[in-house]
Amino acid sequence: MEDGYDIQRLNFLIVDDNKHMCMLVKGIINALGSKNTVEAGDGADAFKELRHFPADIIICDWNMDPLDGLDFTRMVRTGSDSPNPFVPIIMLTGFTEMNRVVEARDAGVSEFLAKPISARGLYSRIRSIIERPRPFVRAGMFFGPDRRRNDLATYMGKERRKKAGEEGELSQDSVDSMFD
């Protein structure tokens, strides 16, 4: 990949209860160069996998049963038996309302990617994790990547006048601005 990273040695844990989505994400990861992937059908299975699979990056769906992506993220970040509370987590979801993006960020998600996903979108999140790793902080009940990466006052995107908490779907650019 031109000006890209060689990710063949990275271990990816893909967490999704939809087999087709798992196959799609795994196919993208393989096309990008990594062959080291493990799949889990929900957050509980993924947490068990983490005990013996040294994931470098987790790609996790939000909506799963019995343990969804948010609860899984919280377990990874703050569970007393968590094998790696610092592992980067990319959250996948078809729901991009502002309150959901904030909730994911506040649970300790490293990056957020709206569905439908593309190879370019997924690679850009992986690249962001590599190029701009965020320091981890503990503040009250929160433990995870520093949520204050961006001064939103300087955001000049098309939704710059939208107040925090207003409902409505966010564009991927708006979601990205919250994680930059």
Protein backbone atom coordinates (compact mmCIF):
# COMPACT_ATOMS: atom_id res chain seq x y z
CA MET A 1 0.00 0.00 0.00
CA GLU A 2 1.46 3.34 -1.04
CA ASP A 3 2.54 5.43 1.99
CA GLY A 4 0.75 2.83 4.11
CA TYR A 5 1.71 0.66 7.00
CA ASP A 6 2.64 -2.99 6.91
CA ILE A 7 0.06 -4.44 9.30
CA GLN A 8 0.86 -8.10 8.65
CA ARG A 9 2.16 -8.62 12.20
CA LEU A 10 -0.80 -7.01 13.94
CA ASN A 11 -3.33 -9.24 15.68
CA PHE A 12 -6.98 -8.26 15.16
CA LEU A 13 -9.92 -9.43 17.24
CA ILE A 14 -13.18 -9.00 15.30
CA VAL A 15 -16.28 -8.96 17.48
CA ASP A 16 -19.64 -9.15 15.73
CA ASP A 17 -22.68 -11.41 16.01
CA ASN A 18 -23.29 -11.11 12.26
CA LYS A 19 -21.20 -13.72 10.43
CA HIS A 20 -21.40 -11.77 7.16
CA MET A 21 -20.01 -8.63 8.81
CA CYS A 22 -17.23 -10.70 10.42
CA MET A 23 -16.33 -12.11 7.00
CA LEU A 24 -16.37 -8.61 5.45
CA VAL A 25 -14.14 -7.11 8.16
CA LYS A 26 -11.79 -10.10 8.07
CA GLY A 27 -11.62 -9.83 4.27
CA ILE A 28 -10.68 -6.15 4.51
CA ILE A 29 -8.06 -6.85 7.19
CA ASN A 30 -6.61 -9.68 5.08
CA ALA A 31 -6.56 -7.44 1.98
CA LEU A 32 -4.68 -4.82 4.01
CA GLY A 33 -2.04 -7.44 4.82
CA SER A 34 -2.84 -9.01 8.17
CA LYS A 35 -3.65 -12.69 8.44
CA ASN A 36 -3.74 -12.72 12.25
CA THR A 37 -7.44 -12.44 13.03
CA VAL A 38 -9.69 -14.10 15.56
CA GLU A 39 -13.47 -13.74 15.54
CA ALA A 40 -15.95 -13.68 18.42
CA GLY A 41 -19.75 -13.61 18.22
CA ASP A 42 -20.34 -11.29 21.19
CA GLY A 43 -18.55 -9.37 23.90
CA ALA A 44 -18.48 -12.27 26.38
CA ASP A 45 -16.78 -14.59 23.86
CA ALA A 46 -14.40 -11.79 22.86
CA PHE A 47 -13.37 -11.22 26.49
CA LYS A 48 -12.57 -14.94 26.77
CA GLU A 49 -10.54 -14.78 23.54
CA LEU A 50 -8.47 -11.89 24.93
CA ARG A 51 -7.17 -14.17 27.66
CA HIS A 52 -5.12 -16.18 25.15
CA PHE A 53 -5.07 -14.05 21.97
CA PRO A 54 -2.83 -10.95 22.23
CA ALA A 55 -5.00 -8.57 20.18
CA ASP A 56 -3.27 -5.41 19.01
CA ILE A 57 -6.55 -3.89 17.77
CA ILE A 58 -10.16 -4.86 18.45
CA ILE A 59 -12.84 -4.15 15.86
CA CYS A 60 -16.17 -4.42 17.64
CA ASP A 61 -19.83 -4.07 16.68
CA TRP A 62 -22.04 -2.13 19.07
CA ASN A 63 -25.32 -4.06 18.88
CA MET A 64 -24.87 -7.66 20.06
CA ASP A 65 -26.48 -10.02 22.56
CA PRO A 66 -25.99 -10.97 25.33
CA LEU A 67 -23.02 -8.59 25.83
CA ASP A 68 -22.95 -5.60 23.50
CA GLY A 69 -19.92 -3.66 22.29
CA LEU A 70 -20.24 -0.90 24.87
CA ASP A 71 -20.36 -3.28 27.83
CA PHE A 72 -17.49 -5.24 26.31
CA THR A 73 -15.45 -2.03 25.97
CA ARG A 74 -16.13 -1.16 29.61
CA MET A 75 -15.06 -4.67 30.68
CA VAL A 76 -11.82 -4.38 28.71
CA ARG A 77 -11.07 -0.93 30.10
CA THR A 78 -12.07 -1.33 33.75
CA GLY A 79 -12.51 -5.04 34.51
CA SER A 80 -10.23 -6.22 37.30
CA ASP A 81 -9.50 -9.34 35.23
CA SER A 82 -8.98 -7.53 31.92
CA PRO A 83 -5.98 -8.98 30.07
CA ASN A 84 -5.24 -5.68 28.26
CA PRO A 85 -7.11 -2.51 29.26
CA PHE A 86 -4.98 -0.46 26.85
CA VAL A 87 -5.83 -2.29 23.60
CA PRO A 88 -7.26 0.08 20.95
CA ILE A 89 -10.93 -0.54 20.16
CA ILE A 90 -12.63 0.51 16.93
CA MET A 91 -16.43 0.59 17.37
CA LEU A 92 -18.58 -0.27 14.35
CA THR A 93 -22.23 0.74 14.24
CA GLY A 94 -25.00 1.79 11.94
CA PHE A 95 -26.20 4.29 14.55
CA THR A 96 -24.38 7.60 14.44
CA GLU A 97 -26.53 9.90 16.56
CA MET A 98 -24.50 12.34 18.65
CA ASN A 99 -25.50 10.73 21.95
CA ARG A 100 -24.28 7.32 20.71
CA VAL A 101 -20.93 8.67 19.56
CA VAL A 102 -20.46 10.39 22.93
CA GLU A 103 -21.52 7.24 24.79
CA ALA A 104 -18.99 5.13 22.84
CA ARG A 105 -16.22 7.65 23.42
CA ASP A 106 -17.08 7.82 27.12
CA ALA A 107 -17.01 4.01 27.41
CA GLY A 108 -13.38 4.04 26.23
CA VAL A 109 -13.63 3.44 22.48
CA SER A 110 -10.50 4.54 20.60
CA GLU A 111 -12.10 5.11 17.18
CA PHE A 112 -15.63 5.05 15.79
CA LEU A 113 -16.61 3.84 12.32
CA ALA A 114 -20.10 4.15 10.85
CA LYS A 115 -21.57 1.34 8.79
CA PRO A 116 -21.58 0.64 5.95
CA ILE A 117 -17.83 0.28 6.28
CA SER A 118 -15.22 0.50 3.55
CA ALA A 119 -11.62 -0.64 3.34
CA ARG A 120 -10.55 3.01 3.20
CA GLY A 121 -12.59 3.91 6.30
CA LEU A 122 -11.31 0.97 8.33
CA TYR A 123 -7.72 1.57 7.25
CA SER A 124 -8.00 5.25 8.21
CA ARG A 125 -9.01 4.23 11.77
CA ILE A 126 -6.14 1.76 11.99
CA ARG A 127 -3.79 4.43 10.70
CA SER A 128 -5.12 6.93 13.25
CA ILE A 129 -4.42 4.45 16.06
CA ILE A 130 -0.85 4.04 14.79
CA GLU A 131 -0.09 7.69 14.00
CA ARG A 132 -1.96 9.42 16.81
CA PRO A 133 -2.15 7.14 19.83
CA ARG A 134 -3.96 8.84 22.67
CA PRO A 135 -2.67 8.70 26.22
CA PHE A 136 -4.87 6.79 28.64
CA VAL A 137 -6.39 8.63 31.57
CA ARG A 138 -8.30 7.70 34.69
CA ALA A 139 -10.94 10.22 35.76
CA GLY A 140 -13.54 9.07 38.26
CA MET A 141 -15.21 5.96 36.79
CA PHE A 142 -13.65 6.54 33.36
CA PHE A 143 -10.53 4.77 32.16
CA GLY A 144 -9.57 4.89 28.53
CA PRO A 145 -8.09 7.00 25.75
CA ASP A 146 -8.05 10.70 26.55
CA ARG A 147 -11.36 12.10 25.34
CA ARG A 148 -9.95 15.62 24.91
CA ARG A 149 -8.08 15.20 21.63
CA ASN A 150 -9.90 17.96 19.88
CA ASP A 151 -10.81 21.56 20.57
CA LEU A 152 -14.34 21.56 19.14
CA ALA A 153 -14.34 25.37 19.05
CA THR A 154 -12.05 25.13 16.02
CA TYR A 155 -14.24 22.61 14.18
CA MET A 156 -15.41 24.22 10.94
CA GLY A 157 -17.42 21.34 9.42
CA LYS A 158 -20.91 21.69 8.02
CA GLU A 159 -22.52 20.78 11.38
CA ARG A 160 -20.49 23.28 13.44
CA ARG A 161 -23.60 25.12 14.69
CA LYS A 162 -25.34 21.96 15.89
CA LYS A 163 -25.55 21.88 19.66
CA ALA A 164 -24.25 18.87 21.55
CA GLY A 165 -27.11 16.55 22.38
CA GLU A 166 -29.25 17.45 19.36
CA GLU A 167 -30.57 14.26 17.82
CA GLY A 168 -29.98 13.29 14.25
CA GLU A 169 -27.52 11.23 12.30
CA LEU A 170 -23.98 12.54 12.14
CA SER A 171 -21.84 12.36 9.06
CA GLN A 172 -18.64 10.32 9.29
CA ASP A 173 -16.69 13.63 9.16
CA SER A 174 -18.61 14.88 12.20
CA VAL A 175 -17.99 11.62 14.05
CA ASP A 176 -14.29 11.82 13.15
CA SER A 177 -14.06 15.37 14.49
CA MET A 178 -15.13 14.10 17.91
CA PHE A 179 -12.24 11.61 17.94
CA ASP A 180 -9.58 13.92 16.43
